[in-house]
Amino acid sequence: MAEKIRCEHILVEKQSLANQLLERIKEGESFEKLAQENSIDSSRKRGGDLGFFGRGVMVREFEKAAFGLEVGEVSQVVKTQFGYHIIKRVA
């Protein structure tokens, strides 16, 4: 079976906001709460939870960052065609 991981993310339109949110996460604020309050993605209702996915499902930049994370780790800001993501691997 192909490797599947589970991630949460926050998607915003501006890099400056993504950088601010990343700093707040590093300071201990809840990733899920910040996703619900700030993300422009429909996953915001679930605290940014994207569920389990394998390779070839997400856009290349997102996938590369997500699969490079350890469980519990939060990415740097990742730019894709959709905007600026902060990704947290949860499983």
PDB file of N, CA and C in Angstrom:
ATOM      1  N   MET A   1       0.845  -1.191   0.000  1.00  0.00           N
ATOM      2  CA  MET A   1       0.000   0.000   0.000  1.00  0.00           C
ATOM      3  C   MET A   1       0.885   1.246   0.000  1.00  0.00           C
ATOM      4  N   ALA A   2       0.510   2.229  -0.764  1.00  0.00           N
ATOM      5  CA  ALA A   2       1.276   3.477  -0.848  1.00  0.00           C
ATOM      6  C   ALA A   2       1.207   4.219   0.484  1.00  0.00           C
ATOM      7  N   GLU A   3       2.281   4.915   0.798  1.00  0.00           N
ATOM      8  CA  GLU A   3       2.335   5.690   2.030  1.00  0.00           C
ATOM      9  C   GLU A   3       1.295   6.805   1.992  1.00  0.00           C
ATOM     10  N   LYS A   4       0.550   6.914   3.085  1.00  0.00           N
ATOM     11  CA  LYS A   4      -0.412   8.009   3.223  1.00  0.00           C
ATOM     12  C   LYS A   4      -0.085   8.757   4.490  1.00  0.00           C
ATOM     13  N   ILE A   5      -0.256  10.057   4.433  1.00  0.00           N
ATOM     14  CA  ILE A   5      -0.039  10.894   5.598  1.00  0.00           C
ATOM     15  C   ILE A   5      -1.298  11.718   5.840  1.00  0.00           C
ATOM     16  N   ARG A   6      -1.372  12.297   7.024  1.00  0.00           N
ATOM     17  CA  ARG A   6      -2.513  13.154   7.366  1.00  0.00           C
ATOM     18  C   ARG A   6      -1.966  14.514   7.774  1.00  0.00           C
ATOM     19  N   CYS A   7      -2.524  15.542   7.190  1.00  0.00           N
ATOM     20  CA  CYS A   7      -2.059  16.899   7.468  1.00  0.00           C
ATOM     21  C   CYS A   7      -3.228  17.840   7.736  1.00  0.00           C
ATOM     22  N   GLU A   8      -2.884  18.917   8.408  1.00  0.00           N
ATOM     23  CA  GLU A   8      -3.759  20.067   8.544  1.00  0.00           C
ATOM     24  C   GLU A   8      -3.038  21.218   7.865  1.00  0.00           C
ATOM     25  N   HIS A   9      -3.779  22.190   7.405  1.00  0.00           N
ATOM     26  CA  HIS A   9      -3.110  23.348   6.819  1.00  0.00           C
ATOM     27  C   HIS A   9      -3.928  24.609   7.021  1.00  0.00           C
ATOM     28  N   ILE A  10      -3.226  25.711   6.875  1.00  0.00           N
ATOM     29  CA  ILE A  10      -3.838  27.035   6.858  1.00  0.00           C
ATOM     30  C   ILE A  10      -3.469  27.625   5.503  1.00  0.00           C
ATOM     31  N   LEU A  11      -4.455  28.101   4.775  1.00  0.00           N
ATOM     32  CA  LEU A  11      -4.234  28.707   3.465  1.00  0.00           C
ATOM     33  C   LEU A  11      -4.697  30.159   3.512  1.00  0.00           C
ATOM     34  N   VAL A  12      -3.787  31.071   3.151  1.00  0.00           N
ATOM     35  CA  VAL A  12      -4.114  32.494   3.104  1.00  0.00           C
ATOM     36  C   VAL A  12      -3.606  33.077   1.786  1.00  0.00           C
ATOM     37  N   GLU A  13      -4.086  34.257   1.447  1.00  0.00           N
ATOM     38  CA  GLU A  13      -3.712  34.888   0.173  1.00  0.00           C
ATOM     39  C   GLU A  13      -2.414  35.671   0.252  1.00  0.00           C
ATOM     40  N   LYS A  14      -2.055  36.169   1.437  1.00  0.00           N
ATOM     41  CA  LYS A  14      -0.885  37.041   1.561  1.00  0.00           C
ATOM     42  C   LYS A  14       0.226  36.377   2.352  1.00  0.00           C
ATOM     43  N   GLN A  15       1.439  36.487   1.833  1.00  0.00           N
ATOM     44  CA  GLN A  15       2.595  35.916   2.514  1.00  0.00           C
ATOM     45  C   GLN A  15       2.809  36.568   3.876  1.00  0.00           C
ATOM     46  N   SER A  16       2.550  37.859   3.973  1.00  0.00           N
ATOM     47  CA  SER A  16       2.743  38.559   5.246  1.00  0.00           C
ATOM     48  C   SER A  16       1.852  37.962   6.336  1.00  0.00           C
ATOM     49  N   LEU A  17       0.603  37.645   6.005  1.00  0.00           N
ATOM     50  CA  LEU A  17      -0.294  37.020   6.976  1.00  0.00           C
ATOM     51  C   LEU A  17       0.188  35.619   7.325  1.00  0.00           C
ATOM     52  N   ALA A  18       0.619  34.860   6.328  1.00  0.00           N
ATOM     53  CA  ALA A  18       1.136  33.514   6.588  1.00  0.00           C
ATOM     54  C   ALA A  18       2.319  33.575   7.554  1.00  0.00           C
ATOM     55  N   ASN A  19       3.214  34.534   7.345  1.00  0.00           N
ATOM     56  CA  ASN A  19       4.372  34.679   8.237  1.00  0.00           C
ATOM     57  C   ASN A  19       3.937  35.017   9.660  1.00  0.00           C
ATOM     58  N   GLN A  20       2.944  35.895   9.794  1.00  0.00           N
ATOM     59  CA  GLN A  20       2.428  36.256  11.120  1.00  0.00           C
ATOM     60  C   GLN A  20       1.817  35.044  11.815  1.00  0.00           C
ATOM     61  N   LEU A  21       1.023  34.269  11.072  1.00  0.00           N
ATOM     62  CA  LEU A  21       0.387  33.095  11.658  1.00  0.00           C
ATOM     63  C   LEU A  21       1.418  32.049  12.061  1.00  0.00           C
ATOM     64  N   LEU A  22       2.442  31.868  11.248  1.00  0.00           N
ATOM     65  CA  LEU A  22       3.493  30.909  11.578  1.00  0.00           C
ATOM     66  C   LEU A  22       4.178  31.307  12.883  1.00  0.00           C
ATOM     67  N   GLU A  23       4.441  32.590  13.069  1.00  0.00           N
ATOM     68  CA  GLU A  23       5.051  33.058  14.319  1.00  0.00           C
ATOM     69  C   GLU A  23       4.131  32.787  15.505  1.00  0.00           C
ATOM     70  N   ARG A  24       2.843  32.997  15.330  1.00  0.00           N
ATOM     71  CA  ARG A  24       1.883  32.739  16.414  1.00  0.00           C
ATOM     72  C   ARG A  24       1.844  31.255  16.764  1.00  0.00           C
ATOM     73  N   ILE A  25       1.943  30.393  15.760  1.00  0.00           N
ATOM     74  CA  ILE A  25       1.991  28.945  16.003  1.00  0.00           C
ATOM     75  C   ILE A  25       3.253  28.600  16.781  1.00  0.00           C
ATOM     76  N   LYS A  26       4.372  29.160  16.382  1.00  0.00           N
ATOM     77  CA  LYS A  26       5.643  28.913  17.075  1.00  0.00           C
ATOM     78  C   LYS A  26       5.596  29.377  18.521  1.00  0.00           C
ATOM     79  N   GLU A  27       4.788  30.400  18.790  1.00  0.00           N
ATOM     80  CA  GLU A  27       4.641  30.920  20.152  1.00  0.00           C
ATOM     81  C   GLU A  27       3.646  30.100  20.973  1.00  0.00           C
ATOM     82  N   GLY A  28       3.030  29.088  20.349  1.00  0.00           N
ATOM     83  CA  GLY A  28       2.174  28.182  21.114  1.00  0.00           C
ATOM     84  C   GLY A  28       0.686  28.304  20.866  1.00  0.00           C
ATOM     85  N   GLU A  29       0.273  29.182  19.976  1.00  0.00           N
ATOM     86  CA  GLU A  29      -1.163  29.282  19.694  1.00  0.00           C
ATOM     87  C   GLU A  29      -1.643  28.026  18.969  1.00  0.00           C
ATOM     88  N   SER A  30      -2.913  27.743  19.102  1.00  0.00           N
ATOM     89  CA  SER A  30      -3.514  26.548  18.514  1.00  0.00           C
ATOM     90  C   SER A  30      -3.561  26.625  16.989  1.00  0.00           C
ATOM     91  N   PHE A  31      -2.928  25.649  16.331  1.00  0.00           N
ATOM     92  CA  PHE A  31      -2.948  25.569  14.870  1.00  0.00           C
ATOM     93  C   PHE A  31      -4.388  25.493  14.384  1.00  0.00           C
ATOM     94  N   GLU A  32      -5.174  24.627  15.017  1.00  0.00           N
ATOM     95  CA  GLU A  32      -6.553  24.400  14.583  1.00  0.00           C
ATOM     96  C   GLU A  32      -7.393  25.669  14.718  1.00  0.00           C
ATOM     97  N   LYS A  33      -7.216  26.384  15.818  1.00  0.00           N
ATOM     98  CA  LYS A  33      -7.972  27.622  16.039  1.00  0.00           C
ATOM     99  C   LYS A  33      -7.589  28.675  14.999  1.00  0.00           C
ATOM    100  N   LEU A  34      -6.283  28.812  14.726  1.00  0.00           N
ATOM    101  CA  LEU A  34      -5.845  29.778  13.728  1.00  0.00           C
ATOM    102  C   LEU A  34      -6.349  29.400  12.340  1.00  0.00           C
ATOM    103  N   ALA A  35      -6.425  28.105  12.051  1.00  0.00           N
ATOM    104  CA  ALA A  35      -6.968  27.655  10.761  1.00  0.00           C
ATOM    105  C   ALA A  35      -8.439  28.050  10.644  1.00  0.00           C
ATOM    106  N   GLN A  36      -9.202  27.805  11.710  1.00  0.00           N
ATOM    107  CA  GLN A  36     -10.627  28.137  11.680  1.00  0.00           C
ATOM    108  C   GLN A  36     -10.851  29.630  11.492  1.00  0.00           C
ATOM    109  N   GLU A  37      -9.990  30.441  12.078  1.00  0.00           N
ATOM    110  CA  GLU A  37     -10.174  31.894  12.051  1.00  0.00           C
ATOM    111  C   GLU A  37      -9.615  32.557  10.790  1.00  0.00           C
ATOM    112  N   ASN A  38      -8.625  31.932  10.133  1.00  0.00           N
ATOM    113  CA  ASN A  38      -7.896  32.624   9.076  1.00  0.00           C
ATOM    114  C   ASN A  38      -7.876  31.954   7.714  1.00  0.00           C
ATOM    115  N   SER A  39      -8.006  30.635   7.664  1.00  0.00           N
ATOM    116  CA  SER A  39      -7.827  29.937   6.391  1.00  0.00           C
ATOM    117  C   SER A  39      -8.953  30.256   5.417  1.00  0.00           C
ATOM    118  N   ILE A  40      -8.593  30.366   4.135  1.00  0.00           N
ATOM    119  CA  ILE A  40      -9.595  30.608   3.095  1.00  0.00           C
ATOM    120  C   ILE A  40     -10.044  29.302   2.441  1.00  0.00           C
ATOM    121  N   ASP A  41      -9.541  28.176   2.937  1.00  0.00           N
ATOM    122  CA  ASP A  41      -9.867  26.855   2.404  1.00  0.00           C
ATOM    123  C   ASP A  41     -11.080  26.288   3.138  1.00  0.00           C
ATOM    124  N   SER A  42     -11.844  25.452   2.464  1.00  0.00           N
ATOM    125  CA  SER A  42     -13.031  24.860   3.091  1.00  0.00           C
ATOM    126  C   SER A  42     -12.682  23.972   4.285  1.00  0.00           C
ATOM    127  N   SER A  43     -11.437  23.526   4.390  1.00  0.00           N
ATOM    128  CA  SER A  43     -11.025  22.694   5.526  1.00  0.00           C
ATOM    129  C   SER A  43     -11.003  23.487   6.832  1.00  0.00           C
ATOM    130  N   ARG A  44     -11.178  24.799   6.748  1.00  0.00           N
ATOM    131  CA  ARG A  44     -11.152  25.625   7.968  1.00  0.00           C
ATOM    132  C   ARG A  44     -12.187  25.148   8.987  1.00  0.00           C
ATOM    133  N   LYS A  45     -13.311  24.623   8.510  1.00  0.00           N
ATOM    134  CA  LYS A  45     -14.363  24.146   9.413  1.00  0.00           C
ATOM    135  C   LYS A  45     -13.879  22.986  10.272  1.00  0.00           C
ATOM    136  N   ARG A  46     -12.859  22.268   9.771  1.00  0.00           N
ATOM    137  CA  ARG A  46     -12.308  21.116  10.480  1.00  0.00           C
ATOM    138  C   ARG A  46     -10.940  21.449  11.084  1.00  0.00           C
ATOM    139  N   GLY A  47     -10.693  22.722  11.331  1.00  0.00           N
ATOM    140  CA  GLY A  47      -9.411  23.136  11.878  1.00  0.00           C
ATOM    141  C   GLY A  47      -8.265  22.921  10.914  1.00  0.00           C
ATOM    142  N   GLY A  48      -8.578  22.921   9.626  1.00  0.00           N
ATOM    143  CA  GLY A  48      -7.556  22.748   8.601  1.00  0.00           C
ATOM    144  C   GLY A  48      -7.271  21.304   8.230  1.00  0.00           C
ATOM    145  N   ASP A  49      -8.006  20.361   8.823  1.00  0.00           N
ATOM    146  CA  ASP A  49      -7.736  18.933   8.595  1.00  0.00           C
ATOM    147  C   ASP A  49      -8.041  18.534   7.160  1.00  0.00           C
ATOM    148  N   LEU A  50      -7.030  17.994   6.489  1.00  0.00           N
ATOM    149  CA  LEU A  50      -7.170  17.524   5.109  1.00  0.00           C
ATOM    150  C   LEU A  50      -7.376  16.020   5.032  1.00  0.00           C
ATOM    151  N   GLY A  51      -7.338  15.337   6.161  1.00  0.00           N
ATOM    152  CA  GLY A  51      -7.475  13.886   6.167  1.00  0.00           C
ATOM    153  C   GLY A  51      -6.209  13.218   5.641  1.00  0.00           C
ATOM    154  N   PHE A  52      -6.329  11.929   5.337  1.00  0.00           N
ATOM    155  CA  PHE A  52      -5.194  11.152   4.819  1.00  0.00           C
ATOM    156  C   PHE A  52      -5.118  11.292   3.302  1.00  0.00           C
ATOM    157  N   PHE A  53      -3.911  11.403   2.782  1.00  0.00           N
ATOM    158  CA  PHE A  53      -3.712  11.454   1.329  1.00  0.00           C
ATOM    159  C   PHE A  53      -2.356  10.850   0.996  1.00  0.00           C
ATOM    160  N   GLY A  54      -2.257  10.348  -0.219  1.00  0.00           N
ATOM    161  CA  GLY A  54      -1.006   9.787  -0.712  1.00  0.00           C
ATOM    162  C   GLY A  54      -0.347  10.723  -1.701  1.00  0.00           C
ATOM    163  N   ARG A  55       0.743  10.266  -2.255  1.00  0.00           N
ATOM    164  CA  ARG A  55       1.469  11.072  -3.240  1.00  0.00           C
ATOM    165  C   ARG A  55       0.636  11.201  -4.517  1.00  0.00           C
ATOM    166  N   GLY A  56       0.790  12.334  -5.192  1.00  0.00           N
ATOM    167  CA  GLY A  56       0.092  12.553  -6.445  1.00  0.00           C
ATOM    168  C   GLY A  56      -1.280  13.171  -6.306  1.00  0.00           C
ATOM    169  N   VAL A  57      -1.670  13.503  -5.073  1.00  0.00           N
ATOM    170  CA  VAL A  57      -3.001  14.066  -4.832  1.00  0.00           C
ATOM    171  C   VAL A  57      -2.951  15.592  -4.744  1.00  0.00           C
ATOM    172  N   MET A  58      -1.971  16.101  -4.025  1.00  0.00           N
ATOM    173  CA  MET A  58      -1.829  17.544  -3.808  1.00  0.00           C
ATOM    174  C   MET A  58      -0.901  18.143  -4.869  1.00  0.00           C
ATOM    175  N   VAL A  59      -0.928  19.458  -5.001  1.00  0.00           N
ATOM    176  CA  VAL A  59      -0.002  20.111  -5.927  1.00  0.00           C
ATOM    177  C   VAL A  59       1.429  19.863  -5.460  1.00  0.00           C
ATOM    178  N   ARG A  60       2.347  19.905  -6.407  1.00  0.00           N
ATOM    179  CA  ARG A  60       3.725  19.465  -6.172  1.00  0.00           C
ATOM    180  C   ARG A  60       4.403  20.156  -4.984  1.00  0.00           C
ATOM    181  N   GLU A  61       4.305  21.481  -4.884  1.00  0.00           N
ATOM    182  CA  GLU A  61       4.980  22.203  -3.807  1.00  0.00           C
ATOM    183  C   GLU A  61       4.432  21.797  -2.438  1.00  0.00           C
ATOM    184  N   PHE A  62       3.115  21.646  -2.376  1.00  0.00           N
ATOM    185  CA  PHE A  62       2.467  21.245  -1.128  1.00  0.00           C
ATOM    186  C   PHE A  62       2.902  19.833  -0.752  1.00  0.00           C
ATOM    187  N   GLU A  63       2.839  18.928  -1.715  1.00  0.00           N
ATOM    188  CA  GLU A  63       3.191  17.530  -1.464  1.00  0.00           C
ATOM    189  C   GLU A  63       4.635  17.394  -0.987  1.00  0.00           C
ATOM    190  N   LYS A  64       5.543  18.082  -1.657  1.00  0.00           N
ATOM    191  CA  LYS A  64       6.959  18.001  -1.281  1.00  0.00           C
ATOM    192  C   LYS A  64       7.152  18.442   0.167  1.00  0.00           C
ATOM    193  N   ALA A  65       6.537  19.536   0.554  1.00  0.00           N
ATOM    194  CA  ALA A  65       6.654  20.033   1.928  1.00  0.00           C
ATOM    195  C   ALA A  65       6.009  19.075   2.919  1.00  0.00           C
ATOM    196  N   ALA A  66       4.795  18.615   2.609  1.00  0.00           N
ATOM    197  CA  ALA A  66       4.047  17.753   3.534  1.00  0.00           C
ATOM    198  C   ALA A  66       4.772  16.435   3.790  1.00  0.00           C
ATOM    199  N   PHE A  67       5.246  15.796   2.731  1.00  0.00           N
ATOM    200  CA  PHE A  67       5.919  14.510   2.894  1.00  0.00           C
ATOM    201  C   PHE A  67       7.306  14.660   3.511  1.00  0.00           C
ATOM    202  N   GLY A  68       7.828  15.881   3.551  1.00  0.00           N
ATOM    203  CA  GLY A  68       9.117  16.128   4.180  1.00  0.00           C
ATOM    204  C   GLY A  68       9.036  16.388   5.677  1.00  0.00           C
ATOM    205  N   LEU A  69       7.819  16.480   6.198  1.00  0.00           N
ATOM    206  CA  LEU A  69       7.630  16.759   7.626  1.00  0.00           C
ATOM    207  C   LEU A  69       7.601  15.480   8.456  1.00  0.00           C
ATOM    208  N   GLU A  70       8.039  15.581   9.691  1.00  0.00           N
ATOM    209  CA  GLU A  70       7.851  14.520  10.680  1.00  0.00           C
ATOM    210  C   GLU A  70       6.480  14.741  11.317  1.00  0.00           C
ATOM    211  N   VAL A  71       5.912  13.695  11.909  1.00  0.00           N
ATOM    212  CA  VAL A  71       4.630  13.819  12.605  1.00  0.00           C
ATOM    213  C   VAL A  71       4.771  14.863  13.716  1.00  0.00           C
ATOM    214  N   GLY A  72       3.840  15.808  13.745  1.00  0.00           N
ATOM    215  CA  GLY A  72       3.852  16.878  14.728  1.00  0.00           C
ATOM    216  C   GLY A  72       4.597  18.122  14.281  1.00  0.00           C
ATOM    217  N   GLU A  73       5.318  18.029  13.189  1.00  0.00           N
ATOM    218  CA  GLU A  73       6.114  19.154  12.707  1.00  0.00           C
ATOM    219  C   GLU A  73       5.262  20.098  11.855  1.00  0.00           C
ATOM    220  N   VAL A  74       5.595  21.386  11.922  1.00  0.00           N
ATOM    221  CA  VAL A  74       4.920  22.424  11.145  1.00  0.00           C
ATOM    222  C   VAL A  74       5.905  22.958  10.107  1.00  0.00           C
ATOM    223  N   SER A  75       5.420  23.138   8.892  1.00  0.00           N
ATOM    224  CA  SER A  75       6.262  23.614   7.789  1.00  0.00           C
ATOM    225  C   SER A  75       6.553  25.101   7.895  1.00  0.00           C
ATOM    226  N   GLN A  76       7.487  25.540   7.093  1.00  0.00           N
ATOM    227  CA  GLN A  76       7.638  26.963   6.820  1.00  0.00           C
ATOM    228  C   GLN A  76       6.480  27.337   5.881  1.00  0.00           C
ATOM    229  N   VAL A  77       6.382  28.571   5.494  1.00  0.00           N
ATOM    230  CA  VAL A  77       5.342  28.997   4.560  1.00  0.00           C
ATOM    231  C   VAL A  77       5.649  28.390   3.182  1.00  0.00           C
ATOM    232  N   VAL A  78       4.625  27.780   2.572  1.00  0.00           N
ATOM    233  CA  VAL A  78       4.763  27.127   1.267  1.00  0.00           C
ATOM    234  C   VAL A  78       3.864  27.845   0.267  1.00  0.00           C
ATOM    235  N   LYS A  79       4.450  28.331  -0.823  1.00  0.00           N
ATOM    236  CA  LYS A  79       3.677  29.030  -1.849  1.00  0.00           C
ATOM    237  C   LYS A  79       3.245  28.040  -2.926  1.00  0.00           C
ATOM    238  N   THR A  80       1.952  28.074  -3.259  1.00  0.00           N
ATOM    239  CA  THR A  80       1.419  27.300  -4.379  1.00  0.00           C
ATOM    240  C   THR A  80       0.551  28.228  -5.218  1.00  0.00           C
ATOM    241  N   GLN A  81      -0.036  27.677  -6.261  1.00  0.00           N
ATOM    242  CA  GLN A  81      -0.939  28.465  -7.107  1.00  0.00           C
ATOM    243  C   GLN A  81      -2.175  28.934  -6.347  1.00  0.00           C
ATOM    244  N   PHE A  82      -2.464  28.335  -5.205  1.00  0.00           N
ATOM    245  CA  PHE A  82      -3.659  28.675  -4.426  1.00  0.00           C
ATOM    246  C   PHE A  82      -3.409  29.777  -3.401  1.00  0.00           C
ATOM    247  N   GLY A  83      -2.148  29.984  -3.056  1.00  0.00           N
ATOM    248  CA  GLY A  83      -1.809  30.981  -2.046  1.00  0.00           C
ATOM    249  C   GLY A  83      -0.653  30.494  -1.195  1.00  0.00           C
ATOM    250  N   TYR A  84      -0.687  30.867   0.077  1.00  0.00           N
ATOM    251  CA  TYR A  84       0.393  30.550   1.014  1.00  0.00           C
ATOM    252  C   TYR A  84      -0.129  29.611   2.086  1.00  0.00           C
ATOM    253  N   HIS A  85       0.541  28.482   2.226  1.00  0.00           N
ATOM    254  CA  HIS A  85       0.121  27.435   3.157  1.00  0.00           C
ATOM    255  C   HIS A  85       1.085  27.330   4.333  1.00  0.00           C
ATOM    256  N   ILE A  86       0.528  26.983   5.475  1.00  0.00           N
ATOM    257  CA  ILE A  86       1.303  26.473   6.602  1.00  0.00           C
ATOM    258  C   ILE A  86       0.751  25.065   6.809  1.00  0.00           C
ATOM    259  N   ILE A  87       1.632  24.085   6.815  1.00  0.00           N
ATOM    260  CA  ILE A  87       1.216  22.693   6.866  1.00  0.00           C
ATOM    261  C   ILE A  87       1.691  22.052   8.164  1.00  0.00           C
ATOM    262  N   LYS A  88       0.807  21.296   8.788  1.00  0.00           N
ATOM    263  CA  LYS A  88       1.165  20.535   9.997  1.00  0.00           C
ATOM    264  C   LYS A  88       0.870  19.072   9.725  1.00  0.00           C
ATOM    265  N   ARG A  89       1.889  18.230   9.855  1.00  0.00           N
ATOM    266  CA  ARG A  89       1.673  16.789   9.684  1.00  0.00           C
ATOM    267  C   ARG A  89       1.201  16.216  11.006  1.00  0.00           C
ATOM    268  N   VAL A  90       0.069  15.528  10.984  1.00  0.00           N
ATOM    269  CA  VAL A  90      -0.501  14.967  12.205  1.00  0.00           C
ATOM    270  C   VAL A  90      -0.456  13.452  12.265  1.00  0.00           C
ATOM    271  N   ALA A  91      -0.187  12.787  11.136  1.00  0.00           N
ATOM    272  CA  ALA A  91      -0.053  11.321  11.131  1.00  0.00           C
ATOM    273  C   ALA A  91       0.646  10.879   9.870  1.00  0.00           C
TER     274      ALA A  91
END
